[in-house]
Amino acid sequence: MKVGILTISDRCAKGEREDKTKETIKEVLGISDFEYRLVPDEYGMIREALTEMSLSCELILTNGGTGISPSDITPEATASILDKEIPGIPEAMRKAGLKYTPNSILSRAKAGIRGKALIINLPGSPNGASECLSSILPAIPHAISLIKGEVKECAR
């Protein structure tokens, strides 16, 4: 599957901080080949990157900007380009996160479909991204198959 990783961070975009979350996502997925982009917390730039990546990627994982600080706008930018939302994915991630921190309930992550791409917002921290992605990883291949029209009914 063609994977895209979109890091959304003002500090990383300015070169003030290294993007360690990208490496964590890569390790959890067990991949070495992926499309990568880095944008600041800017609505238009997030929308543009997601729109472009959805043309070539089957799975797009964003990291950063899902919290409640004034600059956290990833969920709004993501929702604005989705064809369909999948609320169960972020619900599962928040629930899984409660094992590690009560702050997981502050996440406003979104997940959904644009065209033939599954887009999922992950937290910006390496630990948060790893925990959330690990909790939903088993469902991703089936979701991609459904999006591509390869599976007609849900597997149990």
N, C-alpha and C. Protein backbone atom coordinates (compact mmCIF):
# COMPACT_ATOMS: atom_id res chain seq x y z
N MET A 1 0.85 -1.18 0.00
CA MET A 1 0.00 0.00 0.00
C MET A 1 0.89 1.23 0.00
N LYS A 2 0.49 2.22 -0.75
CA LYS A 2 1.23 3.48 -0.85
C LYS A 2 0.84 4.35 0.35
N VAL A 3 1.82 4.69 1.18
CA VAL A 3 1.59 5.44 2.41
C VAL A 3 2.16 6.85 2.29
N GLY A 4 1.42 7.80 2.83
CA GLY A 4 1.89 9.17 2.94
C GLY A 4 1.90 9.59 4.40
N ILE A 5 2.94 10.29 4.79
CA ILE A 5 3.03 10.84 6.15
C ILE A 5 3.13 12.35 6.02
N LEU A 6 2.20 13.03 6.66
CA LEU A 6 2.16 14.49 6.65
C LEU A 6 2.36 15.00 8.07
N THR A 7 3.49 15.62 8.31
CA THR A 7 3.77 16.22 9.61
C THR A 7 3.30 17.67 9.57
N ILE A 8 2.54 18.04 10.59
CA ILE A 8 1.99 19.39 10.68
C ILE A 8 2.54 20.02 11.96
N SER A 9 3.49 20.93 11.79
CA SER A 9 4.17 21.51 12.95
C SER A 9 4.88 22.80 12.55
N ASP A 10 4.54 23.87 13.24
CA ASP A 10 5.25 25.13 13.00
C ASP A 10 6.72 24.99 13.32
N ARG A 11 7.04 24.38 14.46
CA ARG A 11 8.44 24.27 14.89
C ARG A 11 9.28 23.39 13.96
N CYS A 12 8.73 22.28 13.54
CA CYS A 12 9.46 21.42 12.60
C CYS A 12 9.64 22.13 11.26
N ALA A 13 8.59 22.81 10.80
CA ALA A 13 8.67 23.51 9.52
C ALA A 13 9.72 24.62 9.54
N LYS A 14 9.94 25.22 10.70
CA LYS A 14 10.95 26.28 10.84
C LYS A 14 12.34 25.71 11.11
N GLY A 15 12.44 24.40 11.28
CA GLY A 15 13.73 23.77 11.56
C GLY A 15 14.15 23.89 13.01
N GLU A 16 13.22 24.25 13.90
CA GLU A 16 13.52 24.42 15.32
C GLU A 16 13.45 23.08 16.09
N ARG A 17 12.82 22.09 15.47
CA ARG A 17 12.66 20.79 16.11
C ARG A 17 12.71 19.70 15.05
N GLU A 18 13.31 18.57 15.39
CA GLU A 18 13.39 17.43 14.48
C GLU A 18 12.06 16.68 14.50
N ASP A 19 11.66 16.19 13.35
CA ASP A 19 10.42 15.41 13.25
C ASP A 19 10.69 13.96 13.60
N LYS A 20 10.54 13.62 14.87
CA LYS A 20 10.77 12.25 15.32
C LYS A 20 9.53 11.37 15.13
N THR A 21 8.36 11.99 15.03
CA THR A 21 7.12 11.23 14.90
C THR A 21 7.06 10.50 13.56
N LYS A 22 7.58 11.11 12.52
CA LYS A 22 7.62 10.47 11.20
C LYS A 22 8.33 9.12 11.30
N GLU A 23 9.46 9.09 12.00
CA GLU A 23 10.22 7.85 12.14
C GLU A 23 9.44 6.81 12.95
N THR A 24 8.74 7.27 13.98
CA THR A 24 7.93 6.37 14.79
C THR A 24 6.82 5.73 13.97
N ILE A 25 6.14 6.51 13.17
CA ILE A 25 5.07 5.99 12.30
C ILE A 25 5.64 4.96 11.34
N LYS A 26 6.76 5.29 10.75
CA LYS A 26 7.43 4.38 9.81
C LYS A 26 7.75 3.04 10.49
N GLU A 27 8.22 3.10 11.73
CA GLU A 27 8.56 1.88 12.47
C GLU A 27 7.32 1.05 12.81
N VAL A 28 6.25 1.72 13.26
CA VAL A 28 5.02 0.99 13.61
C VAL A 28 4.45 0.28 12.38
N LEU A 29 4.49 0.96 11.24
CA LEU A 29 3.97 0.36 10.01
C LEU A 29 4.92 -0.67 9.41
N GLY A 30 6.20 -0.59 9.77
CA GLY A 30 7.19 -1.51 9.20
C GLY A 30 7.48 -1.21 7.74
N ILE A 31 7.54 0.08 7.39
CA ILE A 31 7.77 0.48 6.01
C ILE A 31 9.05 1.30 5.88
N SER A 32 9.59 1.33 4.69
CA SER A 32 10.73 2.20 4.42
C SER A 32 10.42 3.19 3.30
N ASP A 33 9.46 2.84 2.45
CA ASP A 33 9.10 3.69 1.33
C ASP A 33 7.77 4.37 1.61
N PHE A 34 7.77 5.69 1.58
CA PHE A 34 6.54 6.45 1.81
C PHE A 34 6.73 7.86 1.28
N GLU A 35 5.60 8.52 1.01
CA GLU A 35 5.64 9.92 0.61
C GLU A 35 5.62 10.75 1.89
N TYR A 36 6.46 11.77 1.94
CA TYR A 36 6.56 12.58 3.15
C TYR A 36 6.43 14.06 2.81
N ARG A 37 5.66 14.75 3.63
CA ARG A 37 5.56 16.20 3.53
C ARG A 37 5.54 16.79 4.93
N LEU A 38 6.00 18.01 5.02
CA LEU A 38 6.04 18.76 6.27
C LEU A 38 5.48 20.14 6.01
N VAL A 39 4.45 20.52 6.75
CA VAL A 39 3.85 21.84 6.60
C VAL A 39 3.64 22.47 7.99
N PRO A 40 3.61 23.80 8.04
CA PRO A 40 3.29 24.45 9.31
C PRO A 40 1.80 24.34 9.61
N ASP A 41 1.41 24.77 10.79
CA ASP A 41 0.00 24.75 11.20
C ASP A 41 -0.76 25.85 10.46
N GLU A 42 -0.93 25.67 9.17
CA GLU A 42 -1.65 26.63 8.33
C GLU A 42 -2.72 25.90 7.54
N TYR A 43 -3.95 26.31 7.75
CA TYR A 43 -5.13 25.66 7.18
C TYR A 43 -4.98 25.36 5.69
N GLY A 44 -4.67 26.35 4.89
CA GLY A 44 -4.58 26.18 3.45
C GLY A 44 -3.48 25.22 3.04
N MET A 45 -2.36 25.26 3.73
CA MET A 45 -1.25 24.37 3.39
C MET A 45 -1.57 22.92 3.76
N ILE A 46 -2.28 22.73 4.86
CA ILE A 46 -2.70 21.38 5.25
C ILE A 46 -3.67 20.81 4.22
N ARG A 47 -4.66 21.60 3.86
CA ARG A 47 -5.65 21.18 2.84
C ARG A 47 -4.97 20.83 1.52
N GLU A 48 -4.06 21.68 1.09
CA GLU A 48 -3.38 21.46 -0.18
C GLU A 48 -2.55 20.18 -0.15
N ALA A 49 -1.80 19.98 0.92
CA ALA A 49 -0.98 18.76 1.03
C ALA A 49 -1.85 17.51 1.05
N LEU A 50 -2.93 17.51 1.83
CA LEU A 50 -3.82 16.35 1.90
C LEU A 50 -4.48 16.07 0.54
N THR A 51 -4.92 17.13 -0.11
CA THR A 51 -5.56 16.97 -1.42
C THR A 51 -4.60 16.36 -2.43
N GLU A 52 -3.38 16.87 -2.48
CA GLU A 52 -2.38 16.35 -3.42
C GLU A 52 -1.98 14.91 -3.07
N MET A 53 -1.76 14.65 -1.79
CA MET A 53 -1.34 13.31 -1.38
C MET A 53 -2.44 12.27 -1.63
N SER A 54 -3.69 12.69 -1.55
CA SER A 54 -4.79 11.74 -1.75
C SER A 54 -4.88 11.25 -3.19
N LEU A 55 -4.20 11.90 -4.09
CA LEU A 55 -4.18 11.47 -5.49
C LEU A 55 -3.22 10.30 -5.72
N SER A 56 -2.24 10.15 -4.82
CA SER A 56 -1.22 9.11 -5.04
C SER A 56 -1.08 8.11 -3.89
N CYS A 57 -1.67 8.40 -2.74
CA CYS A 57 -1.53 7.53 -1.56
C CYS A 57 -2.84 6.83 -1.23
N GLU A 58 -2.73 5.61 -0.72
CA GLU A 58 -3.91 4.89 -0.25
C GLU A 58 -4.16 5.16 1.23
N LEU A 59 -3.10 5.44 1.97
CA LEU A 59 -3.18 5.74 3.40
C LEU A 59 -2.36 6.99 3.67
N ILE A 60 -2.98 7.98 4.28
CA ILE A 60 -2.28 9.20 4.66
C ILE A 60 -2.42 9.36 6.17
N LEU A 61 -1.29 9.40 6.84
CA LEU A 61 -1.27 9.59 8.29
C LEU A 61 -0.69 10.96 8.59
N THR A 62 -1.52 11.81 9.18
CA THR A 62 -1.01 13.11 9.61
C THR A 62 -0.55 12.98 11.05
N ASN A 63 0.34 13.86 11.46
CA ASN A 63 0.69 13.93 12.88
C ASN A 63 0.89 15.37 13.25
N GLY A 64 0.28 15.73 14.38
CA GLY A 64 0.36 17.09 14.88
C GLY A 64 -0.91 17.88 14.67
N GLY A 65 -1.14 18.84 15.57
CA GLY A 65 -2.24 19.78 15.41
C GLY A 65 -3.62 19.26 15.74
N THR A 66 -3.72 18.19 16.55
CA THR A 66 -5.03 17.61 16.85
C THR A 66 -5.57 17.99 18.22
N GLY A 67 -4.81 18.79 18.96
CA GLY A 67 -5.20 19.14 20.31
C GLY A 67 -6.12 20.36 20.38
N ILE A 68 -6.02 21.08 21.49
CA ILE A 68 -6.94 22.19 21.71
C ILE A 68 -6.25 23.54 21.82
N SER A 69 -4.98 23.60 21.47
CA SER A 69 -4.30 24.89 21.51
C SER A 69 -4.78 25.74 20.33
N PRO A 70 -4.59 27.05 20.40
CA PRO A 70 -5.08 27.93 19.33
C PRO A 70 -4.56 27.57 17.94
N SER A 71 -3.35 27.03 17.83
CA SER A 71 -2.80 26.71 16.50
C SER A 71 -3.21 25.34 15.99
N ASP A 72 -3.89 24.54 16.79
CA ASP A 72 -4.28 23.19 16.39
C ASP A 72 -5.50 23.22 15.47
N ILE A 73 -5.24 23.10 14.16
CA ILE A 73 -6.32 23.19 13.17
C ILE A 73 -6.35 22.00 12.22
N THR A 74 -5.56 20.99 12.49
CA THR A 74 -5.51 19.82 11.61
C THR A 74 -6.89 19.17 11.43
N PRO A 75 -7.68 18.97 12.49
CA PRO A 75 -8.99 18.33 12.28
C PRO A 75 -9.91 19.14 11.36
N GLU A 76 -9.90 20.45 11.51
CA GLU A 76 -10.76 21.29 10.67
C GLU A 76 -10.32 21.23 9.20
N ALA A 77 -9.01 21.32 8.98
CA ALA A 77 -8.49 21.26 7.61
C ALA A 77 -8.77 19.89 6.99
N THR A 78 -8.61 18.84 7.78
CA THR A 78 -8.86 17.49 7.29
C THR A 78 -10.34 17.32 6.94
N ALA A 79 -11.22 17.69 7.86
CA ALA A 79 -12.66 17.53 7.64
C ALA A 79 -13.12 18.26 6.38
N SER A 80 -12.48 19.38 6.07
CA SER A 80 -12.91 20.18 4.92
C SER A 80 -12.66 19.52 3.57
N ILE A 81 -11.79 18.50 3.52
CA ILE A 81 -11.50 17.84 2.24
C ILE A 81 -12.02 16.41 2.18
N LEU A 82 -12.62 15.91 3.26
CA LEU A 82 -13.09 14.53 3.28
C LEU A 82 -14.39 14.34 2.50
N ASP A 83 -14.49 13.20 1.80
CA ASP A 83 -15.75 12.81 1.17
C ASP A 83 -16.66 12.13 2.20
N LYS A 84 -16.04 11.33 3.09
CA LYS A 84 -16.77 10.62 4.14
C LYS A 84 -15.92 10.61 5.39
N GLU A 85 -16.55 10.84 6.53
CA GLU A 85 -15.86 10.72 7.81
C GLU A 85 -16.00 9.30 8.35
N ILE A 86 -15.00 8.85 9.11
CA ILE A 86 -15.05 7.56 9.79
C ILE A 86 -14.81 7.83 11.27
N PRO A 87 -15.86 8.16 12.03
CA PRO A 87 -15.68 8.56 13.43
C PRO A 87 -15.16 7.45 14.34
N GLY A 88 -15.35 6.20 13.98
CA GLY A 88 -14.91 5.10 14.84
C GLY A 88 -13.40 5.04 15.02
N ILE A 89 -12.65 5.47 14.03
CA ILE A 89 -11.19 5.41 14.13
C ILE A 89 -10.67 6.33 15.23
N PRO A 90 -11.00 7.63 15.20
CA PRO A 90 -10.50 8.47 16.31
C PRO A 90 -11.12 8.11 17.66
N GLU A 91 -12.34 7.59 17.66
CA GLU A 91 -12.93 7.15 18.92
C GLU A 91 -12.10 6.02 19.52
N ALA A 92 -11.70 5.06 18.68
CA ALA A 92 -10.88 3.94 19.14
C ALA A 92 -9.51 4.43 19.63
N MET A 93 -8.94 5.39 18.94
CA MET A 93 -7.63 5.92 19.35
C MET A 93 -7.72 6.62 20.70
N ARG A 94 -8.76 7.42 20.90
CA ARG A 94 -8.92 8.11 22.19
C ARG A 94 -9.11 7.10 23.32
N LYS A 95 -9.92 6.07 23.06
CA LYS A 95 -10.15 5.04 24.07
C LYS A 95 -8.85 4.32 24.41
N ALA A 96 -8.09 3.95 23.40
CA ALA A 96 -6.81 3.27 23.63
C ALA A 96 -5.84 4.18 24.39
N GLY A 97 -5.88 5.46 24.08
CA GLY A 97 -4.98 6.42 24.73
C GLY A 97 -5.23 6.57 26.22
N LEU A 98 -6.44 6.29 26.65
CA LEU A 98 -6.76 6.40 28.08
C LEU A 98 -5.94 5.45 28.94
N LYS A 99 -5.42 4.38 28.33
CA LYS A 99 -4.55 3.45 29.07
C LYS A 99 -3.26 4.15 29.50
N TYR A 100 -2.88 5.19 28.75
CA TYR A 100 -1.59 5.85 28.97
C TYR A 100 -1.72 7.23 29.61
N THR A 101 -2.79 7.96 29.25
CA THR A 101 -2.95 9.32 29.78
C THR A 101 -4.42 9.75 29.71
N PRO A 102 -4.89 10.44 30.75
CA PRO A 102 -6.26 10.96 30.68
C PRO A 102 -6.39 12.08 29.64
N ASN A 103 -5.27 12.62 29.21
CA ASN A 103 -5.29 13.71 28.23
C ASN A 103 -5.69 13.26 26.83
N SER A 104 -5.79 11.96 26.61
CA SER A 104 -6.18 11.48 25.28
C SER A 104 -7.58 11.97 24.90
N ILE A 105 -8.39 12.28 25.89
CA ILE A 105 -9.75 12.76 25.59
C ILE A 105 -9.75 14.17 25.00
N LEU A 106 -8.60 14.83 25.04
CA LEU A 106 -8.49 16.18 24.48
C LEU A 106 -8.21 16.17 22.98
N SER A 107 -7.97 14.99 22.42
CA SER A 107 -7.71 14.89 20.99
C SER A 107 -8.98 15.17 20.19
N ARG A 108 -8.81 15.90 19.12
CA ARG A 108 -9.93 16.20 18.22
C ARG A 108 -9.69 15.57 16.85
N ALA A 109 -8.88 14.52 16.81
CA ALA A 109 -8.49 13.86 15.55
C ALA A 109 -9.70 13.49 14.71
N LYS A 110 -9.49 13.49 13.41
CA LYS A 110 -10.49 13.06 12.43
C LYS A 110 -9.91 11.91 11.61
N ALA A 111 -10.80 11.16 10.99
CA ALA A 111 -10.40 10.14 10.03
C ALA A 111 -11.50 10.06 8.99
N GLY A 112 -11.10 9.72 7.79
CA GLY A 112 -12.09 9.61 6.73
C GLY A 112 -11.47 9.27 5.40
N ILE A 113 -12.30 9.41 4.36
CA ILE A 113 -11.93 9.04 3.01
C ILE A 113 -11.99 10.26 2.11
N ARG A 114 -10.98 10.38 1.29
CA ARG A 114 -11.00 11.33 0.17
C ARG A 114 -10.62 10.53 -1.07
N GLY A 115 -11.54 10.44 -2.01
CA GLY A 115 -11.27 9.62 -3.20
C GLY A 115 -11.05 8.18 -2.79
N LYS A 116 -9.87 7.66 -3.08
CA LYS A 116 -9.51 6.28 -2.73
C LYS A 116 -8.48 6.25 -1.60
N ALA A 117 -8.36 7.35 -0.86
CA ALA A 117 -7.37 7.43 0.22
C ALA A 117 -8.04 7.46 1.59
N LEU A 118 -7.46 6.71 2.52
CA LEU A 118 -7.86 6.73 3.92
C LEU A 118 -6.94 7.73 4.62
N ILE A 119 -7.52 8.73 5.28
CA ILE A 119 -6.76 9.76 5.97
C ILE A 119 -7.05 9.67 7.45
N ILE A 120 -5.98 9.63 8.26
CA ILE A 120 -6.11 9.52 9.71
C ILE A 120 -5.21 10.53 10.38
N ASN A 121 -5.78 11.33 11.30
CA ASN A 121 -5.00 12.28 12.10
C ASN A 121 -4.46 11.58 13.33
N LEU A 122 -3.15 11.64 13.52
CA LEU A 122 -2.50 11.09 14.71
C LEU A 122 -1.95 12.24 15.55
N PRO A 123 -1.69 11.98 16.83
CA PRO A 123 -1.06 13.01 17.67
C PRO A 123 0.35 13.33 17.16
N GLY A 124 0.86 14.47 17.58
CA GLY A 124 2.18 14.90 17.16
C GLY A 124 3.32 14.26 17.93
N SER A 125 3.05 13.77 19.13
CA SER A 125 4.13 13.18 19.92
C SER A 125 4.42 11.76 19.42
N PRO A 126 5.69 11.35 19.41
CA PRO A 126 6.00 9.99 18.97
C PRO A 126 5.26 8.91 19.76
N ASN A 127 5.21 9.04 21.09
CA ASN A 127 4.51 8.04 21.90
C ASN A 127 3.02 8.01 21.58
N GLY A 128 2.40 9.17 21.51
CA GLY A 128 0.97 9.24 21.21
C GLY A 128 0.65 8.67 19.84
N ALA A 129 1.47 9.00 18.85
CA ALA A 129 1.25 8.49 17.50
C ALA A 129 1.39 6.97 17.47
N SER A 130 2.41 6.45 18.15
CA SER A 130 2.63 5.00 18.19
C SER A 130 1.47 4.28 18.86
N GLU A 131 1.04 4.78 20.01
CA GLU A 131 -0.06 4.15 20.74
C GLU A 131 -1.35 4.17 19.93
N CYS A 132 -1.65 5.32 19.34
CA CYS A 132 -2.89 5.43 18.56
C CYS A 132 -2.85 4.57 17.31
N LEU A 133 -1.75 4.64 16.57
CA LEU A 133 -1.65 3.86 15.34
C LEU A 133 -1.68 2.37 15.63
N SER A 134 -1.00 1.94 16.66
CA SER A 134 -0.99 0.52 17.02
C SER A 134 -2.39 0.03 17.35
N SER A 135 -3.21 0.88 17.95
CA SER A 135 -4.56 0.47 18.36
C SER A 135 -5.50 0.26 17.19
N ILE A 136 -5.25 0.92 16.07
CA ILE A 136 -6.16 0.81 14.91
C ILE A 136 -5.55 0.04 13.75
N LEU A 137 -4.28 -0.27 13.84
CA LEU A 137 -3.55 -0.91 12.75
C LEU A 137 -4.23 -2.15 12.18
N PRO A 138 -4.80 -3.03 13.01
CA PRO A 138 -5.42 -4.23 12.45
C PRO A 138 -6.58 -3.94 11.48
N ALA A 139 -7.25 -2.81 11.62
CA ALA A 139 -8.40 -2.50 10.77
C ALA A 139 -8.02 -1.80 9.47
N ILE A 140 -6.81 -1.30 9.37
CA ILE A 140 -6.44 -0.49 8.21
C ILE A 140 -6.45 -1.27 6.89
N PRO A 141 -5.86 -2.46 6.80
CA PRO A 141 -5.90 -3.17 5.50
C PRO A 141 -7.33 -3.44 5.01
N HIS A 142 -8.20 -3.81 5.93
CA HIS A 142 -9.60 -4.06 5.54
C HIS A 142 -10.27 -2.77 5.07
N ALA A 143 -10.01 -1.68 5.77
CA ALA A 143 -10.57 -0.38 5.37
C ALA A 143 -10.12 0.00 3.96
N ILE A 144 -8.84 -0.19 3.69
CA ILE A 144 -8.30 0.15 2.36
C ILE A 144 -8.97 -0.72 1.29
N SER A 145 -9.14 -2.00 1.58
CA SER A 145 -9.81 -2.90 0.63
C SER A 145 -11.25 -2.47 0.36
N LEU A 146 -11.95 -2.06 1.41
CA LEU A 146 -13.32 -1.57 1.24
C LEU A 146 -13.36 -0.30 0.40
N ILE A 147 -12.45 0.62 0.68
CA ILE A 147 -12.40 1.89 -0.05
C ILE A 147 -12.15 1.64 -1.54
N LYS A 148 -11.29 0.68 -1.84
CA LYS A 148 -10.95 0.36 -3.23
C LYS A 148 -12.02 -0.48 -3.89
N GLY A 149 -13.04 -0.91 -3.14
CA GLY A 149 -14.12 -1.70 -3.71
C GLY A 149 -13.76 -3.17 -3.90
N GLU A 150 -12.72 -3.62 -3.21
CA GLU A 150 -12.28 -5.00 -3.35
C GLU A 150 -13.04 -5.96 -2.44
N VAL A 151 -13.70 -5.45 -1.41
CA VAL A 151 -14.44 -6.27 -0.46
C VAL A 151 -15.86 -5.74 -0.42
N LYS A 152 -16.80 -6.63 -0.50
CA LYS A 152 -18.21 -6.22 -0.53
C LYS A 152 -18.89 -6.30 0.82
N GLU A 153 -18.33 -7.10 1.75
CA GLU A 153 -18.94 -7.21 3.07
C GLU A 153 -17.86 -7.17 4.13
N CYS A 154 -18.24 -6.83 5.33
CA CYS A 154 -17.28 -6.72 6.43
C CYS A 154 -16.83 -8.09 6.90
N ALA A 155 -15.54 -8.17 7.17
CA ALA A 155 -14.99 -9.42 7.72
C ALA A 155 -15.21 -9.45 9.21
N ARG A 156 -15.38 -10.62 9.75
CA ARG A 156 -15.56 -10.77 11.21
C ARG A 156 -14.52 -11.67 11.74
